[in-house]
Amino acid sequence: MRAVRMTAPGVLEQAELPTPAAGPGEVLLRVGAVGACHSDLHILDAPAGIFPIPLTLGHEIAGIVDQVGPGVSGWSPGDRTAVYGIIGCGHCRACLRGLENQCRVVPVGGIGLSRDGGLAEYVVVPASRLLHVGDLDLSQAAPLTDAGLTPYHAIELARPKLRPGTACVVIGIGGLGHMAVQILVATTAVRIIAVDTSVAALELASRLGAHEVVQAGPDAVEQIRALVGPPPDGADVVLDFVGADPTLITARQVVATGGKLLLVGLAGGTLPVRPVADEPPTVPLETGVVVPFWGTRAELQEVIALGQVGQLHADVQTFPLERAPEAYEALRRGEIHGRAVIMP
């Protein structure tokens, strides 16, 4: 089978590999679509020894069951499925509660991270990772597994603050941010304020239902404050899908006292948190700060349901498998609006 593999840090190469077989408890999928994620760039950029090499990337996977391994029930060849990429230990307190994204035993990993993923014609996955997608287009189903699931999980963590009539600022209208806007529209009655450097991204946010858009820059905080009011008022929830120093500064300067900051992006910025009594705090009093990670299988099922009824739609740019390295370079340059999806 054809595959695209990381053969050294920063190096993606085409490869011909034997088609794998499904083992006990596993399913062989014919890959229909796989999303290209910024997390893949972090894997490529990581020093040697952090991730296994060689490694087939791709953790946003949708496909068709080709072969069912021994001991698997509930799945048959021809079934259309999305893949939940996290593989926890299954036994710790978090996993037993369905919070495999908080596994206390297995370090961060899973399909396309610590074992071969979907940038190939076929991939073997544990049957427990599969969810039915019905007739949903596979190019839509694939990005739901992370680009849809991660913002959905972050929004679920902030759900008590997202009351009707409150304000939510969404920073970064990229692969995850444009999904977040749709999830907020579909599941809340909040005022959505979208922030991005790109005019095209802001136009997309408006089309998807954002009530206000603000172009990132020196005046962004002032413009957002004009919409949400002066301190100690502000945005009840801020979702930062970038995570760079400038976006974190914006986030902490517009969130309300008692609000919630959700730092989803992995751009490596620093959020100062300094409790003080004699000067304005770096983060408003009573404000919660959370670093969400992916989501749960139950949440993914709900995300798929939103996709199936047309309330969540990924804005995708498709590439054939042989152009996967090109897709990642375009992603690195910031040229992908929405989500790049690779179709083997």
C-alpha atoms as a PDB file:
ATOM      1  CA  MET A   1       0.000   0.000   0.000  1.00  0.00           C
ATOM      2  CA  ARG A   2       1.013   3.638  -0.431  1.00  0.00           C
ATOM      3  CA  ALA A   3       1.800   5.688   2.665  1.00  0.00           C
ATOM      4  CA  VAL A   4       3.394   8.985   3.672  1.00  0.00           C
ATOM      5  CA  ARG A   5       5.728   8.555   6.637  1.00  0.00           C
ATOM      6  CA  MET A   6       7.909  10.633   8.918  1.00  0.00           C
ATOM      7  CA  THR A   7      11.304   9.007   8.370  1.00  0.00           C
ATOM      8  CA  ALA A   8      13.341  11.511  10.410  1.00  0.00           C
ATOM      9  CA  PRO A   9      12.494  14.662  12.373  1.00  0.00           C
ATOM     10  CA  GLY A  10      10.959  17.089   9.897  1.00  0.00           C
ATOM     11  CA  VAL A  11      11.049  14.653   6.979  1.00  0.00           C
ATOM     12  CA  LEU A  12       7.955  13.275   5.204  1.00  0.00           C
ATOM     13  CA  GLU A  13       8.487  10.679   2.486  1.00  0.00           C
ATOM     14  CA  GLN A  14       6.368   8.528   0.202  1.00  0.00           C
ATOM     15  CA  ALA A  15       6.634   4.816   0.981  1.00  0.00           C
ATOM     16  CA  GLU A  16       5.360   1.452  -0.244  1.00  0.00           C
ATOM     17  CA  LEU A  17       4.431  -0.826   2.657  1.00  0.00           C
ATOM     18  CA  PRO A  18       2.752  -4.219   3.011  1.00  0.00           C
ATOM     19  CA  THR A  19      -0.970  -3.866   3.661  1.00  0.00           C
ATOM     20  CA  PRO A  20      -1.427  -4.686   7.372  1.00  0.00           C
ATOM     21  CA  ALA A  21      -3.884  -7.255   8.690  1.00  0.00           C
ATOM     22  CA  ALA A  22      -6.363  -6.778  11.527  1.00  0.00           C
ATOM     23  CA  GLY A  23      -5.355  -8.614  14.690  1.00  0.00           C
ATOM     24  CA  PRO A  24      -7.531  -9.634  17.633  1.00  0.00           C
ATOM     25  CA  GLY A  25      -9.852  -6.797  18.610  1.00  0.00           C
ATOM     26  CA  GLU A  26      -8.786  -4.736  15.599  1.00  0.00           C
ATOM     27  CA  VAL A  27     -10.269  -3.557  12.321  1.00  0.00           C
ATOM     28  CA  LEU A  28      -8.511  -2.809   9.037  1.00  0.00           C
ATOM     29  CA  LEU A  29      -9.854   0.404   7.516  1.00  0.00           C
ATOM     30  CA  ARG A  30      -9.574   1.525   3.932  1.00  0.00           C
ATOM     31  CA  VAL A  31      -8.795   5.184   4.571  1.00  0.00           C
ATOM     32  CA  GLY A  32     -11.221   7.549   2.892  1.00  0.00           C
ATOM     33  CA  ALA A  33      -9.967  10.855   4.293  1.00  0.00           C
ATOM     34  CA  VAL A  34      -7.491  12.141   6.861  1.00  0.00           C
ATOM     35  CA  GLY A  35      -7.201  15.681   8.190  1.00  0.00           C
ATOM     36  CA  ALA A  36      -3.896  17.535   8.325  1.00  0.00           C
ATOM     37  CA  CYS A  37      -3.559  19.058  11.784  1.00  0.00           C
ATOM     38  CA  HIS A  38      -1.182  21.602  13.331  1.00  0.00           C
ATOM     39  CA  SER A  39      -0.396  18.886  15.877  1.00  0.00           C
ATOM     40  CA  ASP A  40       1.219  16.939  13.039  1.00  0.00           C
ATOM     41  CA  LEU A  41       3.586  19.865  12.522  1.00  0.00           C
ATOM     42  CA  HIS A  42       4.526  19.685  16.206  1.00  0.00           C
ATOM     43  CA  ILE A  43       5.273  15.971  15.743  1.00  0.00           C
ATOM     44  CA  LEU A  44       7.406  16.709  12.683  1.00  0.00           C
ATOM     45  CA  ASP A  45       9.269  19.462  14.523  1.00  0.00           C
ATOM     46  CA  ALA A  46       9.879  17.432  17.693  1.00  0.00           C
ATOM     47  CA  PRO A  47      13.432  16.273  18.498  1.00  0.00           C
ATOM     48  CA  ALA A  48      14.345  12.669  17.798  1.00  0.00           C
ATOM     49  CA  GLY A  49      13.151  10.269  20.489  1.00  0.00           C
ATOM     50  CA  ILE A  50       9.889  12.017  21.327  1.00  0.00           C
ATOM     51  CA  PHE A  51       7.825  10.134  18.730  1.00  0.00           C
ATOM     52  CA  PRO A  52       8.539   6.764  17.095  1.00  0.00           C
ATOM     53  CA  ILE A  53      10.329   6.897  13.758  1.00  0.00           C
ATOM     54  CA  PRO A  54       9.399   5.874  11.119  1.00  0.00           C
ATOM     55  CA  LEU A  55       5.786   6.863  11.755  1.00  0.00           C
ATOM     56  CA  THR A  56       2.767   7.219   9.495  1.00  0.00           C
ATOM     57  CA  LEU A  57       1.115  10.455  10.572  1.00  0.00           C
ATOM     58  CA  GLY A  58      -2.598  11.247  10.505  1.00  0.00           C
ATOM     59  CA  HIS A  59      -4.914  11.106  13.523  1.00  0.00           C
ATOM     60  CA  GLU A  60      -8.074  12.600  11.951  1.00  0.00           C
ATOM     61  CA  ILE A  61      -9.312   9.537  10.116  1.00  0.00           C
ATOM     62  CA  ALA A  62     -12.500   8.405   8.418  1.00  0.00           C
ATOM     63  CA  GLY A  63     -12.768   5.271   6.336  1.00  0.00           C
ATOM     64  CA  ILE A  64     -14.557   2.087   5.386  1.00  0.00           C
ATOM     65  CA  VAL A  65     -14.161  -1.196   7.241  1.00  0.00           C
ATOM     66  CA  ASP A  66     -12.218  -3.616   5.028  1.00  0.00           C
ATOM     67  CA  GLN A  67     -11.411  -6.468   7.422  1.00  0.00           C
ATOM     68  CA  VAL A  68     -12.579  -7.413  10.917  1.00  0.00           C
ATOM     69  CA  GLY A  69     -10.156  -9.139  13.263  1.00  0.00           C
ATOM     70  CA  PRO A  70     -10.867 -12.018  15.638  1.00  0.00           C
ATOM     71  CA  GLY A  71     -13.129 -11.182  18.570  1.00  0.00           C
ATOM     72  CA  VAL A  72     -14.636  -8.062  16.996  1.00  0.00           C
ATOM     73  CA  SER A  73     -18.398  -7.656  16.984  1.00  0.00           C
ATOM     74  CA  GLY A  74     -20.624  -4.839  15.800  1.00  0.00           C
ATOM     75  CA  TRP A  75     -18.582  -4.049  12.690  1.00  0.00           C
ATOM     76  CA  SER A  76     -18.737  -5.498   9.178  1.00  0.00           C
ATOM     77  CA  PRO A  77     -16.872  -4.868   5.924  1.00  0.00           C
ATOM     78  CA  GLY A  78     -18.362  -1.850   4.193  1.00  0.00           C
ATOM     79  CA  ASP A  79     -19.288   0.033   7.379  1.00  0.00           C
ATOM     80  CA  ARG A  80     -18.431   3.741   7.224  1.00  0.00           C
ATOM     81  CA  THR A  81     -16.654   5.003  10.296  1.00  0.00           C
ATOM     82  CA  ALA A  82     -14.725   7.764  12.015  1.00  0.00           C
ATOM     83  CA  VAL A  83     -11.778   7.025  14.295  1.00  0.00           C
ATOM     84  CA  TYR A  84     -11.395   8.277  17.862  1.00  0.00           C
ATOM     85  CA  GLY A  85      -7.627   8.659  17.932  1.00  0.00           C
ATOM     86  CA  ILE A  86      -6.835   8.507  21.660  1.00  0.00           C
ATOM     87  CA  ILE A  87      -5.796   5.189  23.156  1.00  0.00           C
ATOM     88  CA  GLY A  88      -5.734   5.296  26.960  1.00  0.00           C
ATOM     89  CA  CYS A  89      -4.919   2.498  29.373  1.00  0.00           C
ATOM     90  CA  GLY A  90      -8.610   1.673  29.838  1.00  0.00           C
ATOM     91  CA  HIS A  91      -8.162   0.957  33.558  1.00  0.00           C
ATOM     92  CA  CYS A  92      -7.302   4.169  35.427  1.00  0.00           C
ATOM     93  CA  ARG A  93      -9.948   6.312  37.112  1.00  0.00           C
ATOM     94  CA  ALA A  94     -10.074   8.737  34.204  1.00  0.00           C
ATOM     95  CA  CYS A  95     -10.454   6.049  31.535  1.00  0.00           C
ATOM     96  CA  LEU A  96     -13.118   4.224  33.551  1.00  0.00           C
ATOM     97  CA  ARG A  97     -15.115   7.474  33.578  1.00  0.00           C
ATOM     98  CA  GLY A  98     -14.764   7.775  29.786  1.00  0.00           C
ATOM     99  CA  LEU A  99     -12.115  10.513  30.068  1.00  0.00           C
ATOM    100  CA  GLU A 100      -9.416   8.803  28.023  1.00  0.00           C
ATOM    101  CA  ASN A 101      -8.067  12.238  27.097  1.00  0.00           C
ATOM    102  CA  GLN A 102      -7.078  12.482  30.791  1.00  0.00           C
ATOM    103  CA  CYS A 103      -5.525   9.003  31.082  1.00  0.00           C
ATOM    104  CA  ARG A 104      -3.345   8.781  34.213  1.00  0.00           C
ATOM    105  CA  VAL A 105      -1.147   5.947  32.880  1.00  0.00           C
ATOM    106  CA  VAL A 106      -0.486   6.337  29.153  1.00  0.00           C
ATOM    107  CA  PRO A 107       1.340   9.515  28.036  1.00  0.00           C
ATOM    108  CA  VAL A 108      -0.224  11.606  25.282  1.00  0.00           C
ATOM    109  CA  GLY A 109      -0.452   9.386  22.240  1.00  0.00           C
ATOM    110  CA  GLY A 110      -2.670   7.326  20.027  1.00  0.00           C
ATOM    111  CA  ILE A 111      -3.274   6.638  16.366  1.00  0.00           C
ATOM    112  CA  GLY A 112      -0.972   8.770  14.257  1.00  0.00           C
ATOM    113  CA  LEU A 113       0.995   9.851  17.329  1.00  0.00           C
ATOM    114  CA  SER A 114       2.437   6.763  19.012  1.00  0.00           C
ATOM    115  CA  ARG A 115       1.391   4.215  16.363  1.00  0.00           C
ATOM    116  CA  ASP A 116       0.841   4.404  12.618  1.00  0.00           C
ATOM    117  CA  GLY A 117      -1.981   6.658  11.497  1.00  0.00           C
ATOM    118  CA  GLY A 118      -4.063   7.392   8.461  1.00  0.00           C
ATOM    119  CA  LEU A 119      -1.723   8.887   5.845  1.00  0.00           C
ATOM    120  CA  ALA A 120      -1.922   5.611   3.972  1.00  0.00           C
ATOM    121  CA  GLU A 121      -4.350   3.589   1.925  1.00  0.00           C
ATOM    122  CA  TYR A 122      -5.088   1.356   4.921  1.00  0.00           C
ATOM    123  CA  VAL A 123      -4.742   1.614   8.691  1.00  0.00           C
ATOM    124  CA  VAL A 124      -5.315  -0.861  11.528  1.00  0.00           C
ATOM    125  CA  VAL A 125      -7.161   0.498  14.567  1.00  0.00           C
ATOM    126  CA  PRO A 126      -8.677  -1.055  17.694  1.00  0.00           C
ATOM    127  CA  ALA A 127     -12.383  -1.660  17.059  1.00  0.00           C
ATOM    128  CA  SER A 128     -13.146   0.239  20.273  1.00  0.00           C
ATOM    129  CA  ARG A 129     -11.963   3.442  18.544  1.00  0.00           C
ATOM    130  CA  LEU A 130     -14.636   3.390  15.823  1.00  0.00           C
ATOM    131  CA  LEU A 131     -17.900   5.325  15.570  1.00  0.00           C
ATOM    132  CA  HIS A 132     -20.517   5.007  12.851  1.00  0.00           C
ATOM    133  CA  VAL A 133     -20.930   7.993  10.523  1.00  0.00           C
ATOM    134  CA  GLY A 134     -23.704   6.684   8.262  1.00  0.00           C
ATOM    135  CA  ASP A 135     -23.898   8.569   4.970  1.00  0.00           C
ATOM    136  CA  LEU A 136     -21.788  11.518   6.140  1.00  0.00           C
ATOM    137  CA  ASP A 137     -19.177  12.388   3.534  1.00  0.00           C
ATOM    138  CA  LEU A 138     -15.827  10.993   4.689  1.00  0.00           C
ATOM    139  CA  SER A 139     -14.047  14.254   3.852  1.00  0.00           C
ATOM    140  CA  GLN A 140     -16.347  15.830   6.448  1.00  0.00           C
ATOM    141  CA  ALA A 141     -16.226  12.982   8.947  1.00  0.00           C
ATOM    142  CA  ALA A 142     -12.410  12.999   9.198  1.00  0.00           C
ATOM    143  CA  PRO A 143     -11.944  16.572  10.506  1.00  0.00           C
ATOM    144  CA  LEU A 144     -14.782  16.079  12.990  1.00  0.00           C
ATOM    145  CA  THR A 145     -12.536  13.670  14.932  1.00  0.00           C
ATOM    146  CA  ASP A 146     -10.217  16.477  16.093  1.00  0.00           C
ATOM    147  CA  ALA A 147     -10.978  19.821  14.438  1.00  0.00           C
ATOM    148  CA  GLY A 148     -14.580  19.291  15.522  1.00  0.00           C
ATOM    149  CA  LEU A 149     -14.059  17.325  18.716  1.00  0.00           C
ATOM    150  CA  THR A 150     -11.425  19.562  20.324  1.00  0.00           C
ATOM    151  CA  PRO A 151     -13.455  22.804  20.214  1.00  0.00           C
ATOM    152  CA  TYR A 152     -16.591  20.879  21.194  1.00  0.00           C
ATOM    153  CA  HIS A 153     -14.777  19.558  24.278  1.00  0.00           C
ATOM    154  CA  ALA A 154     -13.472  23.034  25.138  1.00  0.00           C
ATOM    155  CA  ILE A 155     -16.968  24.463  24.813  1.00  0.00           C
ATOM    156  CA  GLU A 156     -18.333  21.678  27.016  1.00  0.00           C
ATOM    157  CA  LEU A 157     -15.776  22.605  29.682  1.00  0.00           C
ATOM    158  CA  ALA A 158     -17.055  26.185  29.556  1.00  0.00           C
ATOM    159  CA  ARG A 159     -20.737  25.267  29.195  1.00  0.00           C
ATOM    160  CA  PRO A 160     -21.830  26.661  32.626  1.00  0.00           C
ATOM    161  CA  LYS A 161     -20.490  30.100  31.599  1.00  0.00           C
ATOM    162  CA  LEU A 162     -22.100  30.085  28.144  1.00  0.00           C
ATOM    163  CA  ARG A 163     -25.475  31.370  29.293  1.00  0.00           C
ATOM    164  CA  PRO A 164     -27.907  33.063  26.898  1.00  0.00           C
ATOM    165  CA  GLY A 165     -26.915  36.687  26.409  1.00  0.00           C
ATOM    166  CA  THR A 166     -23.270  36.266  27.444  1.00  0.00           C
ATOM    167  CA  ALA A 167     -20.287  36.934  25.179  1.00  0.00           C
ATOM    168  CA  CYS A 168     -17.737  34.451  23.878  1.00  0.00           C
ATOM    169  CA  VAL A 169     -14.567  35.549  22.090  1.00  0.00           C
ATOM    170  CA  VAL A 170     -13.105  33.047  19.605  1.00  0.00           C
ATOM    171  CA  ILE A 171      -9.484  33.816  18.742  1.00  0.00           C
ATOM    172  CA  GLY A 172      -8.148  32.140  15.595  1.00  0.00           C
ATOM    173  CA  ILE A 173     -10.650  31.150  12.906  1.00  0.00           C
ATOM    174  CA  GLY A 174      -8.642  28.293  11.441  1.00  0.00           C
ATOM    175  CA  GLY A 175      -9.213  24.556  11.357  1.00  0.00           C
ATOM    176  CA  LEU A 176     -10.594  24.459  14.912  1.00  0.00           C
ATOM    177  CA  GLY A 177     -11.836  28.011  15.322  1.00  0.00           C
ATOM    178  CA  HIS A 178     -14.238  27.914  12.376  1.00  0.00           C
ATOM    179  CA  MET A 179     -15.734  24.737  13.854  1.00  0.00           C
ATOM    180  CA  ALA A 180     -16.021  26.412  17.272  1.00  0.00           C
ATOM    181  CA  VAL A 181     -18.117  29.221  15.794  1.00  0.00           C
ATOM    182  CA  GLN A 182     -20.560  26.684  14.340  1.00  0.00           C
ATOM    183  CA  ILE A 183     -20.742  24.682  17.577  1.00  0.00           C
ATOM    184  CA  LEU A 184     -21.506  27.844  19.535  1.00  0.00           C
ATOM    185  CA  VAL A 185     -24.206  28.780  17.022  1.00  0.00           C
ATOM    186  CA  ALA A 186     -25.749  25.296  17.183  1.00  0.00           C
ATOM    187  CA  THR A 187     -25.634  24.738  20.941  1.00  0.00           C
ATOM    188  CA  THR A 188     -25.753  28.152  22.668  1.00  0.00           C
ATOM    189  CA  ALA A 189     -27.411  31.565  22.542  1.00  0.00           C
ATOM    190  CA  VAL A 190     -24.230  33.559  23.227  1.00  0.00           C
ATOM    191  CA  ARG A 191     -22.880  36.598  21.387  1.00  0.00           C
ATOM    192  CA  ILE A 192     -19.932  35.329  19.315  1.00  0.00           C
ATOM    193  CA  ILE A 193     -16.976  37.663  18.661  1.00  0.00           C
ATOM    194  CA  ALA A 194     -14.447  36.233  16.184  1.00  0.00           C
ATOM    195  CA  VAL A 195     -10.837  37.450  16.110  1.00  0.00           C
ATOM    196  CA  ASP A 196      -8.210  36.721  13.459  1.00  0.00           C
ATOM    197  CA  THR A 197      -5.450  38.432  11.492  1.00  0.00           C
ATOM    198  CA  SER A 198      -6.961  37.285   8.191  1.00  0.00           C
ATOM    199  CA  VAL A 199      -9.812  39.177   6.551  1.00  0.00           C
ATOM    200  CA  ALA A 200     -10.807  35.986   4.710  1.00  0.00           C
ATOM    201  CA  ALA A 201     -11.003  34.088   8.014  1.00  0.00           C
ATOM    202  CA  LEU A 202     -13.183  36.812   9.512  1.00  0.00           C
ATOM    203  CA  GLU A 203     -15.462  36.729   6.466  1.00  0.00           C
ATOM    204  CA  LEU A 204     -15.776  32.962   6.956  1.00  0.00           C
ATOM    205  CA  ALA A 205     -16.622  33.494  10.638  1.00  0.00           C
ATOM    206  CA  SER A 206     -19.376  35.940   9.672  1.00  0.00           C
ATOM    207  CA  ARG A 207     -20.845  33.498   7.171  1.00  0.00           C
ATOM    208  CA  LEU A 208     -20.838  30.789   9.831  1.00  0.00           C
ATOM    209  CA  GLY A 209     -22.769  32.903  12.315  1.00  0.00           C
ATOM    210  CA  ALA A 210     -20.350  35.073  14.311  1.00  0.00           C
ATOM    211  CA  HIS A 211     -22.145  38.202  15.461  1.00  0.00           C
ATOM    212  CA  GLU A 212     -19.064  40.435  15.471  1.00  0.00           C
ATOM    213  CA  VAL A 213     -15.582  40.189  13.920  1.00  0.00           C
ATOM    214  CA  VAL A 214     -12.406  41.954  15.000  1.00  0.00           C
ATOM    215  CA  GLN A 215      -9.127  41.933  13.097  1.00  0.00           C
ATOM    216  CA  ALA A 216      -6.206  41.095  15.376  1.00  0.00           C
ATOM    217  CA  GLY A 217      -3.760  43.929  15.874  1.00  0.00           C
ATOM    218  CA  PRO A 218      -2.838  46.821  18.161  1.00  0.00           C
ATOM    219  CA  ASP A 219      -6.453  48.007  18.460  1.00  0.00           C
ATOM    220  CA  ALA A 220      -8.080  44.588  18.900  1.00  0.00           C
ATOM    221  CA  VAL A 221      -8.445  44.746  22.694  1.00  0.00           C
ATOM    222  CA  GLU A 222     -10.006  48.215  22.499  1.00  0.00           C
ATOM    223  CA  GLN A 223     -12.444  47.044  19.804  1.00  0.00           C
ATOM    224  CA  ILE A 224     -13.428  43.949  21.786  1.00  0.00           C
ATOM    225  CA  ARG A 225     -13.824  46.011  24.955  1.00  0.00           C
ATOM    226  CA  ALA A 226     -16.178  48.317  23.081  1.00  0.00           C
ATOM    227  CA  LEU A 227     -18.365  45.256  22.488  1.00  0.00           C
ATOM    228  CA  VAL A 228     -18.135  43.558  25.913  1.00  0.00           C
ATOM    229  CA  GLY A 229     -17.736  46.535  28.240  1.00  0.00           C
ATOM    230  CA  PRO A 230     -14.933  47.772  30.502  1.00  0.00           C
ATOM    231  CA  PRO A 231     -13.379  45.751  33.357  1.00  0.00           C
ATOM    232  CA  PRO A 232     -14.440  44.093  35.568  1.00  0.00           C
ATOM    233  CA  ASP A 233     -17.013  43.129  32.926  1.00  0.00           C
ATOM    234  CA  GLY A 234     -15.936  41.469  29.687  1.00  0.00           C
ATOM    235  CA  ALA A 235     -16.267  38.222  27.773  1.00  0.00           C
ATOM    236  CA  ASP A 236     -17.575  35.390  29.918  1.00  0.00           C
ATOM    237  CA  VAL A 237     -15.576  32.879  27.853  1.00  0.00           C
ATOM    238  CA  VAL A 238     -12.490  33.277  25.651  1.00  0.00           C
ATOM    239  CA  LEU A 239     -11.429  30.412  23.398  1.00  0.00           C
ATOM    240  CA  ASP A 240      -7.846  30.879  22.159  1.00  0.00           C
ATOM    241  CA  PHE A 241      -7.141  28.553  19.236  1.00  0.00           C
ATOM    242  CA  VAL A 242      -3.697  30.056  18.620  1.00  0.00           C
ATOM    243  CA  GLY A 243      -1.876  30.136  21.946  1.00  0.00           C
ATOM    244  CA  ALA A 244       0.841  32.649  20.988  1.00  0.00           C
ATOM    245  CA  ASP A 245       1.936  35.479  23.261  1.00  0.00           C
ATOM    246  CA  PRO A 246      -0.115  38.152  21.417  1.00  0.00           C
ATOM    247  CA  THR A 247      -3.325  36.103  21.508  1.00  0.00           C
ATOM    248  CA  LEU A 248      -2.857  35.219  25.160  1.00  0.00           C
ATOM    249  CA  ILE A 249      -2.397  38.899  25.976  1.00  0.00           C
ATOM    250  CA  THR A 250      -5.630  39.677  24.168  1.00  0.00           C
ATOM    251  CA  ALA A 251      -7.434  36.812  25.891  1.00  0.00           C
ATOM    252  CA  ARG A 252      -6.516  37.845  29.425  1.00  0.00           C
ATOM    253  CA  GLN A 253      -7.264  41.512  28.737  1.00  0.00           C
ATOM    254  CA  VAL A 254     -10.825  40.932  27.501  1.00  0.00           C
ATOM    255  CA  VAL A 255     -12.076  38.149  29.784  1.00  0.00           C
ATOM    256  CA  ALA A 256     -14.488  39.152  32.530  1.00  0.00           C
ATOM    257  CA  THR A 257     -13.964  38.781  36.248  1.00  0.00           C
ATOM    258  CA  GLY A 258     -15.185  35.280  37.011  1.00  0.00           C
ATOM    259  CA  GLY A 259     -14.888  34.291  33.352  1.00  0.00           C
ATOM    260  CA  LYS A 260     -13.082  31.382  31.744  1.00  0.00           C
ATOM    261  CA  LEU A 261     -10.021  31.202  29.500  1.00  0.00           C
ATOM    262  CA  LEU A 262      -9.602  28.062  27.402  1.00  0.00           C
ATOM    263  CA  LEU A 263      -6.140  27.790  25.869  1.00  0.00           C
ATOM    264  CA  VAL A 264      -6.522  25.355  22.977  1.00  0.00           C
ATOM    265  CA  GLY A 265      -3.803  26.483  20.563  1.00  0.00           C
ATOM    266  CA  LEU A 266      -0.272  25.150  20.911  1.00  0.00           C
ATOM    267  CA  ALA A 267       1.795  28.052  19.570  1.00  0.00           C
ATOM    268  CA  GLY A 268       3.949  28.087  22.720  1.00  0.00           C
ATOM    269  CA  GLY A 269       2.965  31.405  24.266  1.00  0.00           C
ATOM    270  CA  THR A 270       3.058  32.128  27.988  1.00  0.00           C
ATOM    271  CA  LEU A 271       0.142  33.253  30.134  1.00  0.00           C
ATOM    272  CA  PRO A 272       1.360  35.016  33.282  1.00  0.00           C
ATOM    273  CA  VAL A 273      -0.685  34.231  36.367  1.00  0.00           C
ATOM    274  CA  ARG A 274       0.305  36.345  39.369  1.00  0.00           C
ATOM    275  CA  PRO A 275      -2.032  36.735  42.342  1.00  0.00           C
ATOM    276  CA  VAL A 276      -1.648  40.241  43.741  1.00  0.00           C
ATOM    277  CA  ALA A 277      -3.646  42.558  45.996  1.00  0.00           C
ATOM    278  CA  ASP A 278      -2.040  45.952  45.377  1.00  0.00           C
ATOM    279  CA  GLU A 279      -2.242  46.176  41.549  1.00  0.00           C
ATOM    280  CA  PRO A 280      -4.417  44.793  38.740  1.00  0.00           C
ATOM    281  CA  PRO A 281      -3.929  41.020  38.501  1.00  0.00           C
ATOM    282  CA  THR A 282      -2.508  39.453  35.337  1.00  0.00           C
ATOM    283  CA  VAL A 283      -5.709  37.410  35.084  1.00  0.00           C
ATOM    284  CA  PRO A 284      -8.989  38.811  36.473  1.00  0.00           C
ATOM    285  CA  LEU A 285     -10.107  37.587  39.862  1.00  0.00           C
ATOM    286  CA  GLU A 286     -12.142  34.370  39.960  1.00  0.00           C
ATOM    287  CA  THR A 287     -11.154  33.598  36.357  1.00  0.00           C
ATOM    288  CA  GLY A 288     -10.574  29.954  35.461  1.00  0.00           C
ATOM    289  CA  VAL A 289      -7.829  28.879  33.062  1.00  0.00           C
ATOM    290  CA  VAL A 290      -8.060  25.489  31.347  1.00  0.00           C
ATOM    291  CA  VAL A 291      -5.841  23.771  28.773  1.00  0.00           C
ATOM    292  CA  PRO A 292      -8.245  21.384  26.993  1.00  0.00           C
ATOM    293  CA  PHE A 293      -6.996  18.267  25.219  1.00  0.00           C
ATOM    294  CA  TRP A 294      -8.939  16.608  22.385  1.00  0.00           C
ATOM    295  CA  GLY A 295     -12.152  15.175  23.905  1.00  0.00           C
ATOM    296  CA  THR A 296     -14.059  12.021  24.803  1.00  0.00           C
ATOM    297  CA  ARG A 297     -15.647   9.330  22.644  1.00  0.00           C
ATOM    298  CA  ALA A 298     -19.088  10.378  23.871  1.00  0.00           C
ATOM    299  CA  GLU A 299     -18.405  13.956  22.779  1.00  0.00           C
ATOM    300  CA  LEU A 300     -17.219  12.738  19.372  1.00  0.00           C
ATOM    301  CA  GLN A 301     -20.530  10.924  18.921  1.00  0.00           C
ATOM    302  CA  GLU A 302     -22.313  14.221  19.585  1.00  0.00           C
ATOM    303  CA  VAL A 303     -20.031  16.059  17.145  1.00  0.00           C
ATOM    304  CA  ILE A 304     -20.826  13.473  14.455  1.00  0.00           C
ATOM    305  CA  ALA A 305     -24.534  13.971  15.176  1.00  0.00           C
ATOM    306  CA  LEU A 306     -24.147  17.715  14.546  1.00  0.00           C
ATOM    307  CA  GLY A 307     -22.423  16.910  11.260  1.00  0.00           C
ATOM    308  CA  GLN A 308     -25.122  14.491  10.220  1.00  0.00           C
ATOM    309  CA  VAL A 309     -27.885  17.071  10.628  1.00  0.00           C
ATOM    310  CA  GLY A 310     -25.904  19.756   8.798  1.00  0.00           C
ATOM    311  CA  GLN A 311     -25.134  22.002  11.760  1.00  0.00           C
ATOM    312  CA  LEU A 312     -21.381  21.413  11.638  1.00  0.00           C
ATOM    313  CA  HIS A 313     -19.534  21.553   8.336  1.00  0.00           C
ATOM    314  CA  ALA A 314     -15.775  21.685   7.844  1.00  0.00           C
ATOM    315  CA  ASP A 315     -14.460  24.142   5.279  1.00  0.00           C
ATOM    316  CA  VAL A 316     -11.998  21.789   3.565  1.00  0.00           C
ATOM    317  CA  GLN A 317      -9.246  21.909   0.972  1.00  0.00           C
ATOM    318  CA  THR A 318      -8.563  18.426  -0.381  1.00  0.00           C
ATOM    319  CA  PHE A 319      -5.246  16.951  -1.504  1.00  0.00           C
ATOM    320  CA  PRO A 320      -4.380  13.492  -2.907  1.00  0.00           C
ATOM    321  CA  LEU A 321      -2.079  11.330  -0.777  1.00  0.00           C
ATOM    322  CA  GLU A 322       0.992  12.033  -2.902  1.00  0.00           C
ATOM    323  CA  ARG A 323       0.576  15.755  -2.201  1.00  0.00           C
ATOM    324  CA  ALA A 324       0.405  15.329   1.587  1.00  0.00           C
ATOM    325  CA  PRO A 325       3.836  16.970   2.149  1.00  0.00           C
ATOM    326  CA  GLU A 326       2.612  19.938   0.086  1.00  0.00           C
ATOM    327  CA  ALA A 327      -0.511  20.179   2.260  1.00  0.00           C
ATOM    328  CA  TYR A 328       1.598  20.335   5.416  1.00  0.00           C
ATOM    329  CA  GLU A 329       3.859  23.023   3.984  1.00  0.00           C
ATOM    330  CA  ALA A 330       0.795  25.084   3.051  1.00  0.00           C
ATOM    331  CA  LEU A 331      -0.504  24.572   6.596  1.00  0.00           C
ATOM    332  CA  ARG A 332       2.825  25.739   8.017  1.00  0.00           C
ATOM    333  CA  ARG A 333       2.717  28.883   5.871  1.00  0.00           C
ATOM    334  CA  GLY A 334      -0.809  29.686   7.041  1.00  0.00           C
ATOM    335  CA  GLU A 335      -2.294  29.197   3.582  1.00  0.00           C
ATOM    336  CA  ILE A 336      -4.975  26.684   4.606  1.00  0.00           C
ATOM    337  CA  HIS A 337      -8.328  28.261   5.370  1.00  0.00           C
ATOM    338  CA  GLY A 338     -10.419  25.781   7.326  1.00  0.00           C
ATOM    339  CA  ARG A 339      -8.982  22.262   7.174  1.00  0.00           C
ATOM    340  CA  ALA A 340      -6.686  20.458   4.760  1.00  0.00           C
ATOM    341  CA  VAL A 341      -8.005  16.951   4.103  1.00  0.00           C
ATOM    342  CA  ILE A 342      -5.932  14.304   2.362  1.00  0.00           C
ATOM    343  CA  MET A 343      -7.770  11.699   0.283  1.00  0.00           C
ATOM    344  CA  PRO A 344      -5.720   8.501  -0.245  1.00  0.00           C
END
